[in-house]
C-alpha atoms as a PDB file:
ATOM      1  CA  MET A   1       1.021 -48.789  45.204  1.00  0.00           C
ATOM      2  CA  GLN A   2      -2.711 -48.481  44.361  1.00  0.00           C
ATOM      3  CA  SER A   3      -4.963 -48.186  47.287  1.00  0.00           C
ATOM      4  CA  LYS A   4      -8.393 -49.928  47.497  1.00  0.00           C
ATOM      5  CA  ALA A   5      -9.619 -47.046  49.769  1.00  0.00           C
ATOM      6  CA  THR A   6     -12.960 -45.564  48.642  1.00  0.00           C
ATOM      7  CA  THR A   7     -12.487 -42.163  50.403  1.00  0.00           C
ATOM      8  CA  VAL A   8      -9.477 -39.859  50.871  1.00  0.00           C
ATOM      9  CA  ASP A   9      -9.875 -40.030  54.653  1.00  0.00           C
ATOM     10  CA  GLN A  10      -9.743 -43.874  54.365  1.00  0.00           C
ATOM     11  CA  TYR A  11      -6.748 -43.695  52.133  1.00  0.00           C
ATOM     12  CA  ILE A  12      -4.794 -41.425  54.597  1.00  0.00           C
ATOM     13  CA  ASP A  13      -5.754 -43.572  57.575  1.00  0.00           C
ATOM     14  CA  GLU A  14      -4.252 -46.615  55.942  1.00  0.00           C
ATOM     15  CA  LEU A  15      -0.770 -44.872  55.380  1.00  0.00           C
ATOM     16  CA  PRO A  16       2.297 -45.406  57.665  1.00  0.00           C
ATOM     17  CA  GLU A  17       2.717 -42.638  60.227  1.00  0.00           C
ATOM     18  CA  ASP A  18       5.494 -40.881  58.360  1.00  0.00           C
ATOM     19  CA  ARG A  19       3.633 -40.740  55.159  1.00  0.00           C
ATOM     20  CA  LYS A  20       0.331 -39.768  56.846  1.00  0.00           C
ATOM     21  CA  LYS A  21       1.636 -36.412  58.037  1.00  0.00           C
ATOM     22  CA  ALA A  22       3.061 -35.395  54.646  1.00  0.00           C
ATOM     23  CA  ILE A  23       0.109 -36.573  52.646  1.00  0.00           C
ATOM     24  CA  THR A  24      -2.339 -34.771  55.115  1.00  0.00           C
ATOM     25  CA  GLU A  25      -0.265 -31.681  54.743  1.00  0.00           C
ATOM     26  CA  LEU A  26      -0.298 -31.898  51.028  1.00  0.00           C
ATOM     27  CA  ARG A  27      -4.108 -32.409  51.021  1.00  0.00           C
ATOM     28  CA  ASN A  28      -4.517 -29.463  53.184  1.00  0.00           C
ATOM     29  CA  VAL A  29      -2.501 -27.093  50.963  1.00  0.00           C
ATOM     30  CA  ILE A  30      -4.366 -28.360  47.955  1.00  0.00           C
ATOM     31  CA  LYS A  31      -7.774 -27.940  49.541  1.00  0.00           C
ATOM     32  CA  LYS A  32      -6.914 -24.331  50.629  1.00  0.00           C
ATOM     33  CA  ASN A  33      -5.699 -23.378  47.121  1.00  0.00           C
ATOM     34  CA  ILE A  34      -7.514 -25.382  44.518  1.00  0.00           C
ATOM     35  CA  PRO A  35     -10.107 -23.382  42.682  1.00  0.00           C
ATOM     36  CA  GLU A  36     -13.774 -24.059  43.379  1.00  0.00           C
ATOM     37  CA  GLY A  37     -15.468 -26.563  41.226  1.00  0.00           C
ATOM     38  CA  PHE A  38     -13.011 -29.463  41.439  1.00  0.00           C
ATOM     39  CA  GLN A  39     -14.205 -32.460  43.514  1.00  0.00           C
ATOM     40  CA  GLU A  40     -12.073 -34.458  45.901  1.00  0.00           C
ATOM     41  CA  GLY A  41     -12.105 -38.206  45.594  1.00  0.00           C
ATOM     42  CA  MET A  42     -10.311 -41.429  44.796  1.00  0.00           C
ATOM     43  CA  GLY A  43      -9.145 -42.433  41.427  1.00  0.00           C
ATOM     44  CA  TYR A  44      -6.715 -44.816  40.061  1.00  0.00           C
ATOM     45  CA  GLY A  45      -5.928 -45.946  43.564  1.00  0.00           C
ATOM     46  CA  MET A  46      -4.794 -42.386  44.763  1.00  0.00           C
ATOM     47  CA  ALA A  47      -6.453 -39.250  46.209  1.00  0.00           C
ATOM     48  CA  GLY A  48      -7.114 -36.509  43.780  1.00  0.00           C
ATOM     49  CA  TYR A  49      -9.318 -33.846  42.358  1.00  0.00           C
ATOM     50  CA  SER A  50     -11.449 -33.989  39.257  1.00  0.00           C
ATOM     51  CA  VAL A  51     -13.946 -31.980  37.272  1.00  0.00           C
ATOM     52  CA  PRO A  52     -17.379 -33.611  38.323  1.00  0.00           C
ATOM     53  CA  HIS A  53     -19.870 -34.864  35.658  1.00  0.00           C
ATOM     54  CA  SER A  54     -22.155 -32.090  36.924  1.00  0.00           C
ATOM     55  CA  LYS A  55     -19.671 -29.606  35.357  1.00  0.00           C
ATOM     56  CA  TYR A  56     -18.354 -31.716  32.511  1.00  0.00           C
ATOM     57  CA  PRO A  57     -20.902 -34.432  31.514  1.00  0.00           C
ATOM     58  CA  ALA A  58     -18.611 -35.968  28.833  1.00  0.00           C
ATOM     59  CA  GLY A  59     -16.263 -37.314  31.594  1.00  0.00           C
ATOM     60  CA  TYR A  60     -12.916 -38.732  30.875  1.00  0.00           C
ATOM     61  CA  HIS A  61     -12.435 -39.949  27.357  1.00  0.00           C
ATOM     62  CA  CYS A  62     -10.702 -43.126  28.389  1.00  0.00           C
ATOM     63  CA  ASP A  63     -13.725 -44.052  30.559  1.00  0.00           C
ATOM     64  CA  PRO A  64     -16.617 -41.560  30.315  1.00  0.00           C
ATOM     65  CA  LYS A  65     -18.158 -43.009  33.493  1.00  0.00           C
ATOM     66  CA  LEU A  66     -15.224 -41.263  35.357  1.00  0.00           C
ATOM     67  CA  PRO A  67     -15.013 -37.596  36.005  1.00  0.00           C
ATOM     68  CA  LEU A  68     -12.332 -35.686  34.285  1.00  0.00           C
ATOM     69  CA  PRO A  69      -9.210 -36.060  36.331  1.00  0.00           C
ATOM     70  CA  PHE A  70      -7.006 -33.097  37.046  1.00  0.00           C
ATOM     71  CA  LEU A  71      -4.672 -33.720  40.063  1.00  0.00           C
ATOM     72  CA  GLY A  72      -3.703 -36.707  42.107  1.00  0.00           C
ATOM     73  CA  PHE A  73      -1.388 -37.304  45.029  1.00  0.00           C
ATOM     74  CA  ALA A  74      -0.139 -40.605  46.355  1.00  0.00           C
ATOM     75  CA  SER A  75       2.261 -42.330  48.780  1.00  0.00           C
ATOM     76  CA  GLN A  76       4.241 -44.526  46.525  1.00  0.00           C
ATOM     77  CA  LYS A  77       6.816 -47.143  47.670  1.00  0.00           C
ATOM     78  CA  ASN A  78       9.942 -44.923  47.297  1.00  0.00           C
ATOM     79  CA  PHE A  79       8.433 -41.343  46.900  1.00  0.00           C
ATOM     80  CA  ILE A  80       5.437 -39.157  47.463  1.00  0.00           C
ATOM     81  CA  ALA A  81       3.908 -38.243  44.061  1.00  0.00           C
ATOM     82  CA  VAL A  82       1.872 -35.339  42.852  1.00  0.00           C
ATOM     83  CA  TYR A  83       0.280 -35.828  39.526  1.00  0.00           C
ATOM     84  CA  HIS A  84      -0.782 -32.492  37.951  1.00  0.00           C
ATOM     85  CA  MET A  85      -2.166 -32.724  34.504  1.00  0.00           C
ATOM     86  CA  GLY A  86      -1.904 -28.986  33.882  1.00  0.00           C
ATOM     87  CA  ILE A  87       1.964 -29.014  33.809  1.00  0.00           C
ATOM     88  CA  TYR A  88       1.714 -31.696  31.153  1.00  0.00           C
ATOM     89  CA  ALA A  89      -0.862 -29.814  29.020  1.00  0.00           C
ATOM     90  CA  ASP A  90       0.564 -26.160  29.406  1.00  0.00           C
ATOM     91  CA  PRO A  91       4.103 -25.660  28.416  1.00  0.00           C
ATOM     92  CA  LYS A  92       4.087 -22.118  29.925  1.00  0.00           C
ATOM     93  CA  LEU A  93       2.909 -23.525  33.242  1.00  0.00           C
ATOM     94  CA  LEU A  94       5.563 -26.217  33.160  1.00  0.00           C
ATOM     95  CA  GLU A  95       8.237 -23.443  32.470  1.00  0.00           C
ATOM     96  CA  TRP A  96       6.915 -21.342  35.387  1.00  0.00           C
ATOM     97  CA  PHE A  97       6.907 -24.397  37.763  1.00  0.00           C
ATOM     98  CA  THR A  98      10.298 -25.635  36.876  1.00  0.00           C
ATOM     99  CA  ALA A  99      11.797 -22.175  37.424  1.00  0.00           C
ATOM    100  CA  ALA A 100       9.854 -21.493  40.697  1.00  0.00           C
ATOM    101  CA  HIS A 101      10.757 -25.010  41.942  1.00  0.00           C
ATOM    102  CA  ALA A 102      14.453 -24.227  41.515  1.00  0.00           C
ATOM    103  CA  LYS A 103      14.017 -21.123  43.734  1.00  0.00           C
ATOM    104  CA  ALA A 104      11.703 -22.915  46.238  1.00  0.00           C
ATOM    105  CA  SER A 105      13.839 -26.065  46.853  1.00  0.00           C
ATOM    106  CA  PRO A 106      17.396 -26.865  46.967  1.00  0.00           C
ATOM    107  CA  LYS A 107      16.613 -30.297  45.643  1.00  0.00           C
ATOM    108  CA  LYS A 108      16.740 -31.040  41.987  1.00  0.00           C
ATOM    109  CA  LEU A 109      13.239 -31.543  40.565  1.00  0.00           C
ATOM    110  CA  ASP A 110      12.382 -35.139  39.908  1.00  0.00           C
ATOM    111  CA  MET A 111       9.595 -35.104  37.458  1.00  0.00           C
ATOM    112  CA  GLY A 112       7.909 -37.148  34.720  1.00  0.00           C
ATOM    113  CA  LYS A 113       5.383 -35.752  32.223  1.00  0.00           C
ATOM    114  CA  SER A 114       2.810 -34.812  34.886  1.00  0.00           C
ATOM    115  CA  CYS A 115       4.440 -36.510  37.957  1.00  0.00           C
ATOM    116  CA  LEU A 116       6.399 -34.760  40.693  1.00  0.00           C
ATOM    117  CA  ARG A 117       8.294 -37.144  42.737  1.00  0.00           C
ATOM    118  CA  TYR A 118       9.611 -36.397  46.363  1.00  0.00           C
ATOM    119  CA  LYS A 119      11.656 -38.935  48.035  1.00  0.00           C
ATOM    120  CA  LYS A 120      11.475 -37.213  51.411  1.00  0.00           C
ATOM    121  CA  ALA A 121       8.527 -35.389  52.949  1.00  0.00           C
ATOM    122  CA  GLU A 122      10.669 -32.503  54.058  1.00  0.00           C
ATOM    123  CA  ASP A 123      11.612 -32.006  50.343  1.00  0.00           C
ATOM    124  CA  ILE A 124       8.023 -31.129  49.366  1.00  0.00           C
ATOM    125  CA  PRO A 125       7.590 -27.363  48.547  1.00  0.00           C
ATOM    126  CA  TYR A 126       4.058 -27.231  49.991  1.00  0.00           C
ATOM    127  CA  GLU A 127       3.548 -23.431  49.309  1.00  0.00           C
ATOM    128  CA  LEU A 128       4.735 -23.867  45.747  1.00  0.00           C
ATOM    129  CA  ILE A 129       2.285 -26.797  45.218  1.00  0.00           C
ATOM    130  CA  GLY A 130      -0.483 -24.680  46.675  1.00  0.00           C
ATOM    131  CA  GLU A 131       0.429 -21.896  44.160  1.00  0.00           C
ATOM    132  CA  LEU A 132       0.532 -24.457  41.369  1.00  0.00           C
ATOM    133  CA  VAL A 133      -2.834 -25.794  41.991  1.00  0.00           C
ATOM    134  CA  SER A 134      -4.363 -22.336  42.158  1.00  0.00           C
ATOM    135  CA  LYS A 135      -3.475 -21.427  38.581  1.00  0.00           C
ATOM    136  CA  ILE A 136      -6.073 -23.523  36.773  1.00  0.00           C
ATOM    137  CA  THR A 137      -9.795 -23.406  37.229  1.00  0.00           C
ATOM    138  CA  PRO A 138     -12.198 -26.232  36.233  1.00  0.00           C
ATOM    139  CA  ASP A 139     -13.263 -24.219  33.063  1.00  0.00           C
ATOM    140  CA  ASP A 140      -9.573 -23.670  32.240  1.00  0.00           C
ATOM    141  CA  TRP A 141      -8.829 -27.308  32.653  1.00  0.00           C
ATOM    142  CA  ILE A 142     -11.803 -28.242  30.498  1.00  0.00           C
ATOM    143  CA  GLU A 143     -10.711 -25.875  27.695  1.00  0.00           C
ATOM    144  CA  MET A 144      -7.083 -27.240  27.901  1.00  0.00           C
ATOM    145  CA  TYR A 145      -8.319 -30.805  27.879  1.00  0.00           C
ATOM    146  CA  GLU A 146     -10.589 -30.507  25.048  1.00  0.00           C
ATOM    147  CA  SER A 147      -7.950 -28.570  22.973  1.00  0.00           C
ATOM    148  CA  SER A 148      -5.405 -31.115  23.633  1.00  0.00           C
ATOM    149  CA  PHE A 149      -7.752 -34.138  23.106  1.00  0.00           C
ATOM    150  CA  LYS A 150      -8.913 -32.724  19.763  1.00  0.00           C
ATOM    151  CA  ASN A 151      -5.380 -32.019  18.595  1.00  0.00           C
ATOM    152  CA  HIS A 152      -4.284 -35.503  19.627  1.00  0.00           C
ATOM    153  CA  ARG A 153      -7.241 -37.088  17.743  1.00  0.00           C
ATOM    154  CA  LYS A 154      -6.296 -35.259  14.575  1.00  0.00           C
ATOM    155  CA  LYS A 155      -2.815 -36.762  14.626  1.00  0.00           C
ATOM    156  CA  THR A 156      -4.072 -40.275  14.840  1.00  0.00           C
END
């Protein structure tokens, strides 16, 4: 479900009470751990963090007017989602996260390419999400993004 909210606070205010608490906790752990240089905002109908144009003027290749997205989180119809582009771009980070998640949560990891899905708020391993977001700086993300984008363009 995409939100029409223009700020993260507005997005959270519009959520049902049970989701509001979980999304607020998720936001707090992300804000506490995300490296300096990412900016919080709304994108694609969800709350998230991106590399601002002041740091990466080229922006997102799909729409250069947008900042380079890195992380999103959202209250979807049947789950709470965390979209972390780093685990999609870095196989070593994915391997670490998969192993760490197995230790941190008794629940099986429900994951897409960059999407972590949690059906119940109590299943979210907040500390592990905090550790995950701390592992990539804006400079790291730009380097990974450019490397991945250049390699992808060579294939097409």
